[in-house]
Amino acid sequence: MKTTVEISDALLEETKKIATREDVTVRTLIEQGLRHVVAQRKQRHGPFRLRKATFNGRGLTGEAQAAGPDRLRELTYEGRGG
């Protein structure tokens, strides 16, 4: 995928020197750097976990208990202009 990013002149010049010395492309160095940062962040934060978001209640009651998805949607938006 192509994208455009702004990199300081000094950093780009240093990157070009390294790329030439190591016989790789600037693109390769940028990808390696991004992969390194992404891997570090994953290690630091661990895998994503959705927090438990429950509440004490009685669940669906009345007509909603037996309603299918379409009727449940109607009941949800009833009186709200939906």
PDB file of N, CA and C in Angstrom:
ATOM      1  N   MET A   1       0.848  -1.167   0.000  1.00  0.00           N
ATOM      2  CA  MET A   1       0.000   0.000   0.000  1.00  0.00           C
ATOM      3  C   MET A   1       0.899   1.238   0.000  1.00  0.00           C
ATOM      4  N   LYS A   2       0.528   2.212  -0.765  1.00  0.00           N
ATOM      5  CA  LYS A   2       1.296   3.450  -0.806  1.00  0.00           C
ATOM      6  C   LYS A   2       0.699   4.433   0.172  1.00  0.00           C
ATOM      7  N   THR A   3       1.583   5.172   0.819  1.00  0.00           N
ATOM      8  CA  THR A   3       1.142   6.240   1.708  1.00  0.00           C
ATOM      9  C   THR A   3       2.207   7.319   1.712  1.00  0.00           C
ATOM     10  N   THR A   4       1.865   8.467   2.219  1.00  0.00           N
ATOM     11  CA  THR A   4       2.817   9.565   2.291  1.00  0.00           C
ATOM     12  C   THR A   4       2.997   9.952   3.749  1.00  0.00           C
ATOM     13  N   VAL A   5       4.247  10.075   4.157  1.00  0.00           N
ATOM     14  CA  VAL A   5       4.541  10.527   5.514  1.00  0.00           C
ATOM     15  C   VAL A   5       5.596  11.621   5.440  1.00  0.00           C
ATOM     16  N   GLU A   6       5.582  12.503   6.418  1.00  0.00           N
ATOM     17  CA  GLU A   6       6.597  13.545   6.491  1.00  0.00           C
ATOM     18  C   GLU A   6       7.650  13.119   7.496  1.00  0.00           C
ATOM     19  N   ILE A   7       8.914  13.118   7.052  1.00  0.00           N
ATOM     20  CA  ILE A   7      10.037  12.738   7.887  1.00  0.00           C
ATOM     21  C   ILE A   7      11.016  13.897   7.856  1.00  0.00           C
ATOM     22  N   SER A   8      11.609  14.193   9.000  1.00  0.00           N
ATOM     23  CA  SER A   8      12.566  15.307   9.030  1.00  0.00           C
ATOM     24  C   SER A   8      13.710  15.036   8.058  1.00  0.00           C
ATOM     25  N   ASP A   9      14.242  16.107   7.517  1.00  0.00           N
ATOM     26  CA  ASP A   9      15.337  15.980   6.547  1.00  0.00           C
ATOM     27  C   ASP A   9      16.524  15.233   7.139  1.00  0.00           C
ATOM     28  N   ALA A  10      16.877  15.572   8.378  1.00  0.00           N
ATOM     29  CA  ALA A  10      18.036  14.944   9.018  1.00  0.00           C
ATOM     30  C   ALA A  10      17.824  13.439   9.185  1.00  0.00           C
ATOM     31  N   LEU A  11      16.635  13.043   9.608  1.00  0.00           N
ATOM     32  CA  LEU A  11      16.352  11.614   9.796  1.00  0.00           C
ATOM     33  C   LEU A  11      16.368  10.879   8.462  1.00  0.00           C
ATOM     34  N   LEU A  12      15.801  11.487   7.440  1.00  0.00           N
ATOM     35  CA  LEU A  12      15.787  10.857   6.118  1.00  0.00           C
ATOM     36  C   LEU A  12      17.208  10.691   5.570  1.00  0.00           C
ATOM     37  N   GLU A  13      18.034  11.698   5.735  1.00  0.00           N
ATOM     38  CA  GLU A  13      19.420  11.607   5.256  1.00  0.00           C
ATOM     39  C   GLU A  13      20.172  10.491   5.982  1.00  0.00           C
ATOM     40  N   GLU A  14      19.993  10.399   7.290  1.00  0.00           N
ATOM     41  CA  GLU A  14      20.645   9.331   8.057  1.00  0.00           C
ATOM     42  C   GLU A  14      20.127   7.965   7.615  1.00  0.00           C
ATOM     43  N   THR A  15      18.835   7.883   7.367  1.00  0.00           N
ATOM     44  CA  THR A  15      18.231   6.633   6.910  1.00  0.00           C
ATOM     45  C   THR A  15      18.792   6.222   5.555  1.00  0.00           C
ATOM     46  N   LYS A  16      18.943   7.169   4.656  1.00  0.00           N
ATOM     47  CA  LYS A  16      19.501   6.875   3.334  1.00  0.00           C
ATOM     48  C   LYS A  16      20.932   6.357   3.445  1.00  0.00           C
ATOM     49  N   LYS A  17      21.718   6.946   4.350  1.00  0.00           N
ATOM     50  CA  LYS A  17      23.099   6.491   4.552  1.00  0.00           C
ATOM     51  C   LYS A  17      23.126   5.038   5.048  1.00  0.00           C
ATOM     52  N   ILE A  18      22.264   4.748   6.008  1.00  0.00           N
ATOM     53  CA  ILE A  18      22.199   3.385   6.552  1.00  0.00           C
ATOM     54  C   ILE A  18      21.741   2.419   5.460  1.00  0.00           C
ATOM     55  N   ALA A  19      20.732   2.816   4.700  1.00  0.00           N
ATOM     56  CA  ALA A  19      20.212   1.965   3.627  1.00  0.00           C
ATOM     57  C   ALA A  19      21.309   1.647   2.605  1.00  0.00           C
ATOM     58  N   THR A  20      22.075   2.660   2.248  1.00  0.00           N
ATOM     59  CA  THR A  20      23.171   2.443   1.292  1.00  0.00           C
ATOM     60  C   THR A  20      24.223   1.513   1.884  1.00  0.00           C
ATOM     61  N   ARG A  21      24.609   1.770   3.127  1.00  0.00           N
ATOM     62  CA  ARG A  21      25.637   0.967   3.787  1.00  0.00           C
ATOM     63  C   ARG A  21      25.210  -0.493   3.922  1.00  0.00           C
ATOM     64  N   GLU A  22      23.920  -0.709   4.214  1.00  0.00           N
ATOM     65  CA  GLU A  22      23.418  -2.075   4.430  1.00  0.00           C
ATOM     66  C   GLU A  22      22.826  -2.693   3.171  1.00  0.00           C
ATOM     67  N   ASP A  23      22.861  -1.957   2.071  1.00  0.00           N
ATOM     68  CA  ASP A  23      22.349  -2.420   0.781  1.00  0.00           C
ATOM     69  C   ASP A  23      20.884  -2.852   0.865  1.00  0.00           C
ATOM     70  N   VAL A  24      20.088  -1.994   1.485  1.00  0.00           N
ATOM     71  CA  VAL A  24      18.635  -2.206   1.561  1.00  0.00           C
ATOM     72  C   VAL A  24      17.957  -0.902   1.149  1.00  0.00           C
ATOM     73  N   THR A  25      16.641  -0.951   1.002  1.00  0.00           N
ATOM     74  CA  THR A  25      15.910   0.261   0.628  1.00  0.00           C
ATOM     75  C   THR A  25      15.474   1.018   1.876  1.00  0.00           C
ATOM     76  N   VAL A  26      15.181   2.288   1.673  1.00  0.00           N
ATOM     77  CA  VAL A  26      14.639   3.112   2.765  1.00  0.00           C
ATOM     78  C   VAL A  26      13.315   2.508   3.219  1.00  0.00           C
ATOM     79  N   ARG A  27      12.547   2.037   2.271  1.00  0.00           N
ATOM     80  CA  ARG A  27      11.263   1.394   2.602  1.00  0.00           C
ATOM     81  C   ARG A  27      11.475   0.228   3.565  1.00  0.00           C
ATOM     82  N   THR A  28      12.475  -0.594   3.298  1.00  0.00           N
ATOM     83  CA  THR A  28      12.763  -1.739   4.164  1.00  0.00           C
ATOM     84  C   THR A  28      13.083  -1.277   5.580  1.00  0.00           C
ATOM     85  N   LEU A  29      13.899  -0.235   5.704  1.00  0.00           N
ATOM     86  CA  LEU A  29      14.251   0.267   7.032  1.00  0.00           C
ATOM     87  C   LEU A  29      13.031   0.829   7.759  1.00  0.00           C
ATOM     88  N   ILE A  30      12.188   1.534   7.043  1.00  0.00           N
ATOM     89  CA  ILE A  30      10.972   2.087   7.655  1.00  0.00           C
ATOM     90  C   ILE A  30      10.071   0.957   8.135  1.00  0.00           C
ATOM     91  N   GLU A  31       9.880  -0.069   7.300  1.00  0.00           N
ATOM     92  CA  GLU A  31       9.043  -1.200   7.696  1.00  0.00           C
ATOM     93  C   GLU A  31       9.628  -1.925   8.906  1.00  0.00           C
ATOM     94  N   GLN A  32      10.955  -2.115   8.922  1.00  0.00           N
ATOM     95  CA  GLN A  32      11.588  -2.766  10.066  1.00  0.00           C
ATOM     96  C   GLN A  32      11.357  -1.951  11.338  1.00  0.00           C
ATOM     97  N   GLY A  33      11.501  -0.641  11.236  1.00  0.00           N
ATOM     98  CA  GLY A  33      11.285   0.224  12.394  1.00  0.00           C
ATOM     99  C   GLY A  33       9.860   0.157  12.903  1.00  0.00           C
ATOM    100  N   LEU A  34       8.912   0.205  11.989  1.00  0.00           N
ATOM    101  CA  LEU A  34       7.504   0.138  12.396  1.00  0.00           C
ATOM    102  C   LEU A  34       7.172  -1.217  13.015  1.00  0.00           C
ATOM    103  N   ARG A  35       7.690  -2.291  12.428  1.00  0.00           N
ATOM    104  CA  ARG A  35       7.453  -3.628  12.998  1.00  0.00           C
ATOM    105  C   ARG A  35       8.015  -3.716  14.417  1.00  0.00           C
ATOM    106  N   HIS A  36       9.189  -3.129  14.617  1.00  0.00           N
ATOM    107  CA  HIS A  36       9.820  -3.143  15.933  1.00  0.00           C
ATOM    108  C   HIS A  36       8.947  -2.413  16.963  1.00  0.00           C
ATOM    109  N   VAL A  37       8.460  -1.234  16.608  1.00  0.00           N
ATOM    110  CA  VAL A  37       7.629  -0.450  17.519  1.00  0.00           C
ATOM    111  C   VAL A  37       6.321  -1.181  17.815  1.00  0.00           C
ATOM    112  N   VAL A  38       5.689  -1.727  16.787  1.00  0.00           N
ATOM    113  CA  VAL A  38       4.426  -2.454  16.984  1.00  0.00           C
ATOM    114  C   VAL A  38       4.633  -3.652  17.902  1.00  0.00           C
ATOM    115  N   ALA A  39       5.709  -4.398  17.706  1.00  0.00           N
ATOM    116  CA  ALA A  39       5.992  -5.570  18.543  1.00  0.00           C
ATOM    117  C   ALA A  39       6.216  -5.152  19.995  1.00  0.00           C
ATOM    118  N   GLN A  40       6.941  -4.062  20.212  1.00  0.00           N
ATOM    119  CA  GLN A  40       7.181  -3.580  21.573  1.00  0.00           C
ATOM    120  C   GLN A  40       5.874  -3.189  22.256  1.00  0.00           C
ATOM    121  N   ARG A  41       5.006  -2.509  21.538  1.00  0.00           N
ATOM    122  CA  ARG A  41       3.731  -2.075  22.123  1.00  0.00           C
ATOM    123  C   ARG A  41       2.854  -3.266  22.470  1.00  0.00           C
ATOM    124  N   LYS A  42       2.864  -4.289  21.614  1.00  0.00           N
ATOM    125  CA  LYS A  42       2.074  -5.484  21.890  1.00  0.00           C
ATOM    126  C   LYS A  42       2.563  -6.164  23.158  1.00  0.00           C
ATOM    127  N   GLN A  43       3.887  -6.239  23.323  1.00  0.00           N
ATOM    128  CA  GLN A  43       4.449  -6.864  24.517  1.00  0.00           C
ATOM    129  C   GLN A  43       4.091  -6.066  25.762  1.00  0.00           C
ATOM    130  N   ARG A  44       4.182  -4.765  25.668  1.00  0.00           N
ATOM    131  CA  ARG A  44       3.936  -3.902  26.816  1.00  0.00           C
ATOM    132  C   ARG A  44       2.482  -3.964  27.282  1.00  0.00           C
ATOM    133  N   HIS A  45       1.580  -3.974  26.328  1.00  0.00           N
ATOM    134  CA  HIS A  45       0.161  -3.909  26.669  1.00  0.00           C
ATOM    135  C   HIS A  45      -0.523  -5.269  26.692  1.00  0.00           C
ATOM    136  N   GLY A  46       0.094  -6.273  26.137  1.00  0.00           N
ATOM    137  CA  GLY A  46      -0.522  -7.589  26.069  1.00  0.00           C
ATOM    138  C   GLY A  46      -1.686  -7.592  25.102  1.00  0.00           C
ATOM    139  N   PRO A  47      -2.345  -8.724  24.994  1.00  0.00           N
ATOM    140  CA  PRO A  47      -3.471  -8.812  24.061  1.00  0.00           C
ATOM    141  C   PRO A  47      -4.652  -7.973  24.552  1.00  0.00           C
ATOM    142  N   PHE A  48      -5.445  -7.514  23.602  1.00  0.00           N
ATOM    143  CA  PHE A  48      -6.628  -6.729  23.953  1.00  0.00           C
ATOM    144  C   PHE A  48      -7.623  -7.593  24.703  1.00  0.00           C
ATOM    145  N   ARG A  49      -8.148  -7.050  25.783  1.00  0.00           N
ATOM    146  CA  ARG A  49      -9.187  -7.749  26.540  1.00  0.00           C
ATOM    147  C   ARG A  49     -10.337  -6.781  26.765  1.00  0.00           C
ATOM    148  N   LEU A  50     -11.512  -7.214  26.388  1.00  0.00           N
ATOM    149  CA  LEU A  50     -12.701  -6.409  26.581  1.00  0.00           C
ATOM    150  C   LEU A  50     -13.078  -6.470  28.051  1.00  0.00           C
ATOM    151  N   ARG A  51     -13.267  -5.320  28.666  1.00  0.00           N
ATOM    152  CA  ARG A  51     -13.608  -5.316  30.093  1.00  0.00           C
ATOM    153  C   ARG A  51     -15.012  -5.876  30.294  1.00  0.00           C
ATOM    154  N   LYS A  52     -15.230  -6.447  31.460  1.00  0.00           N
ATOM    155  CA  LYS A  52     -16.544  -6.990  31.780  1.00  0.00           C
ATOM    156  C   LYS A  52     -17.491  -5.815  32.000  1.00  0.00           C
ATOM    157  N   ALA A  53     -18.553  -5.777  31.253  1.00  0.00           N
ATOM    158  CA  ALA A  53     -19.502  -4.670  31.331  1.00  0.00           C
ATOM    159  C   ALA A  53     -20.901  -5.236  31.525  1.00  0.00           C
ATOM    160  N   THR A  54     -21.160  -5.715  32.709  1.00  0.00           N
ATOM    161  CA  THR A  54     -22.477  -6.271  33.004  1.00  0.00           C
ATOM    162  C   THR A  54     -23.135  -5.438  34.092  1.00  0.00           C
ATOM    163  N   PHE A  55     -24.404  -5.644  34.272  1.00  0.00           N
ATOM    164  CA  PHE A  55     -25.119  -4.959  35.340  1.00  0.00           C
ATOM    165  C   PHE A  55     -26.153  -5.919  35.895  1.00  0.00           C
ATOM    166  N   ASN A  56     -26.557  -5.660  37.109  1.00  0.00           N
ATOM    167  CA  ASN A  56     -27.572  -6.512  37.731  1.00  0.00           C
ATOM    168  C   ASN A  56     -28.938  -6.095  37.217  1.00  0.00           C
ATOM    169  N   GLY A  57     -29.631  -7.024  36.676  1.00  0.00           N
ATOM    170  CA  GLY A  57     -30.954  -6.750  36.148  1.00  0.00           C
ATOM    171  C   GLY A  57     -31.699  -8.051  35.940  1.00  0.00           C
ATOM    172  N   ARG A  58     -32.879  -7.948  35.395  1.00  0.00           N
ATOM    173  CA  ARG A  58     -33.703  -9.137  35.189  1.00  0.00           C
ATOM    174  C   ARG A  58     -33.701  -9.581  33.740  1.00  0.00           C
ATOM    175  N   GLY A  59     -32.861  -8.965  32.906  1.00  0.00           N
ATOM    176  CA  GLY A  59     -32.821  -9.348  31.502  1.00  0.00           C
ATOM    177  C   GLY A  59     -34.061  -8.853  30.776  1.00  0.00           C
ATOM    178  N   LEU A  60     -34.355  -9.466  29.647  1.00  0.00           N
ATOM    179  CA  LEU A  60     -35.522  -9.081  28.868  1.00  0.00           C
ATOM    180  C   LEU A  60     -36.779  -9.569  29.563  1.00  0.00           C
ATOM    181  N   THR A  61     -37.789  -8.739  29.540  1.00  0.00           N
ATOM    182  CA  THR A  61     -39.063  -9.107  30.158  1.00  0.00           C
ATOM    183  C   THR A  61     -40.193  -8.817  29.183  1.00  0.00           C
ATOM    184  N   GLY A  62     -41.354  -9.344  29.490  1.00  0.00           N
ATOM    185  CA  GLY A  62     -42.553  -9.081  28.711  1.00  0.00           C
ATOM    186  C   GLY A  62     -42.417  -9.485  27.264  1.00  0.00           C
ATOM    187  N   GLU A  63     -42.916  -8.614  26.372  1.00  0.00           N
ATOM    188  CA  GLU A  63     -42.933  -8.900  24.945  1.00  0.00           C
ATOM    189  C   GLU A  63     -41.504  -9.058  24.386  1.00  0.00           C
ATOM    190  N   ALA A  64     -40.572  -8.316  24.926  1.00  0.00           N
ATOM    191  CA  ALA A  64     -39.196  -8.366  24.429  1.00  0.00           C
ATOM    192  C   ALA A  64     -38.566  -9.744  24.617  1.00  0.00           C
ATOM    193  N   GLN A  65     -38.999 -10.459  25.633  1.00  0.00           N
ATOM    194  CA  GLN A  65     -38.433 -11.770  25.929  1.00  0.00           C
ATOM    195  C   GLN A  65     -38.677 -12.759  24.787  1.00  0.00           C
ATOM    196  N   ALA A  66     -39.826 -12.665  24.150  1.00  0.00           N
ATOM    197  CA  ALA A  66     -40.172 -13.605  23.093  1.00  0.00           C
ATOM    198  C   ALA A  66     -39.979 -13.005  21.701  1.00  0.00           C
ATOM    199  N   ALA A  67     -39.563 -11.765  21.628  1.00  0.00           N
ATOM    200  CA  ALA A  67     -39.455 -11.072  20.338  1.00  0.00           C
ATOM    201  C   ALA A  67     -38.234 -11.537  19.557  1.00  0.00           C
ATOM    202  N   GLY A  68     -38.380 -11.515  18.243  1.00  0.00           N
ATOM    203  CA  GLY A  68     -37.242 -11.791  17.364  1.00  0.00           C
ATOM    204  C   GLY A  68     -36.415 -10.517  17.211  1.00  0.00           C
ATOM    205  N   PRO A  69     -35.319 -10.594  16.486  1.00  0.00           N
ATOM    206  CA  PRO A  69     -34.427  -9.438  16.356  1.00  0.00           C
ATOM    207  C   PRO A  69     -35.093  -8.197  15.753  1.00  0.00           C
ATOM    208  N   ASP A  70     -35.943  -8.387  14.749  1.00  0.00           N
ATOM    209  CA  ASP A  70     -36.592  -7.229  14.122  1.00  0.00           C
ATOM    210  C   ASP A  70     -37.555  -6.552  15.085  1.00  0.00           C
ATOM    211  N   ARG A  71     -38.354  -7.350  15.762  1.00  0.00           N
ATOM    212  CA  ARG A  71     -39.306  -6.779  16.724  1.00  0.00           C
ATOM    213  C   ARG A  71     -38.569  -6.158  17.911  1.00  0.00           C
ATOM    214  N   LEU A  72     -37.487  -6.767  18.330  1.00  0.00           N
ATOM    215  CA  LEU A  72     -36.696  -6.236  19.438  1.00  0.00           C
ATOM    216  C   LEU A  72     -36.139  -4.856  19.065  1.00  0.00           C
ATOM    217  N   ARG A  73     -35.686  -4.722  17.822  1.00  0.00           N
ATOM    218  CA  ARG A  73     -35.199  -3.423  17.344  1.00  0.00           C
ATOM    219  C   ARG A  73     -36.325  -2.399  17.372  1.00  0.00           C
ATOM    220  N   GLU A  74     -37.524  -2.790  16.927  1.00  0.00           N
ATOM    221  CA  GLU A  74     -38.681  -1.881  16.945  1.00  0.00           C
ATOM    222  C   GLU A  74     -38.973  -1.445  18.364  1.00  0.00           C
ATOM    223  N   LEU A  75     -38.973  -2.376  19.297  1.00  0.00           N
ATOM    224  CA  LEU A  75     -39.265  -2.033  20.688  1.00  0.00           C
ATOM    225  C   LEU A  75     -38.200  -1.113  21.269  1.00  0.00           C
ATOM    226  N   THR A  76     -36.944  -1.315  20.861  1.00  0.00           N
ATOM    227  CA  THR A  76     -35.859  -0.488  21.375  1.00  0.00           C
ATOM    228  C   THR A  76     -36.033   0.966  20.974  1.00  0.00           C
ATOM    229  N   TYR A  77     -36.443   1.203  19.717  1.00  0.00           N
ATOM    230  CA  TYR A  77     -36.545   2.560  19.216  1.00  0.00           C
ATOM    231  C   TYR A  77     -37.955   3.127  19.301  1.00  0.00           C
ATOM    232  N   GLU A  78     -38.883   2.405  19.846  1.00  0.00           N
ATOM    233  CA  GLU A  78     -40.270   2.847  19.950  1.00  0.00           C
ATOM    234  C   GLU A  78     -40.329   4.146  20.763  1.00  0.00           C
ATOM    235  N   GLY A  79     -40.998   5.157  20.201  1.00  0.00           N
ATOM    236  CA  GLY A  79     -41.143   6.429  20.889  1.00  0.00           C
ATOM    237  C   GLY A  79     -39.904   7.316  20.785  1.00  0.00           C
ATOM    238  N   ARG A  80     -38.931   6.908  20.007  1.00  0.00           N
ATOM    239  CA  ARG A  80     -37.703   7.689  19.858  1.00  0.00           C
ATOM    240  C   ARG A  80     -37.505   8.161  18.416  1.00  0.00           C
ATOM    241  N   GLY A  81     -38.572   8.140  17.656  1.00  0.00           N
ATOM    242  CA  GLY A  81     -38.498   8.615  16.278  1.00  0.00           C
ATOM    243  C   GLY A  81     -37.904   7.595  15.316  1.00  0.00           C
ATOM    244  N   GLY A  82     -37.739   6.343  15.755  1.00  0.00           N
ATOM    245  CA  GLY A  82     -37.093   5.346  14.908  1.00  0.00           C
ATOM    246  C   GLY A  82     -38.033   4.456  14.184  1.00  0.00           C
TER     247      GLY A  82
END
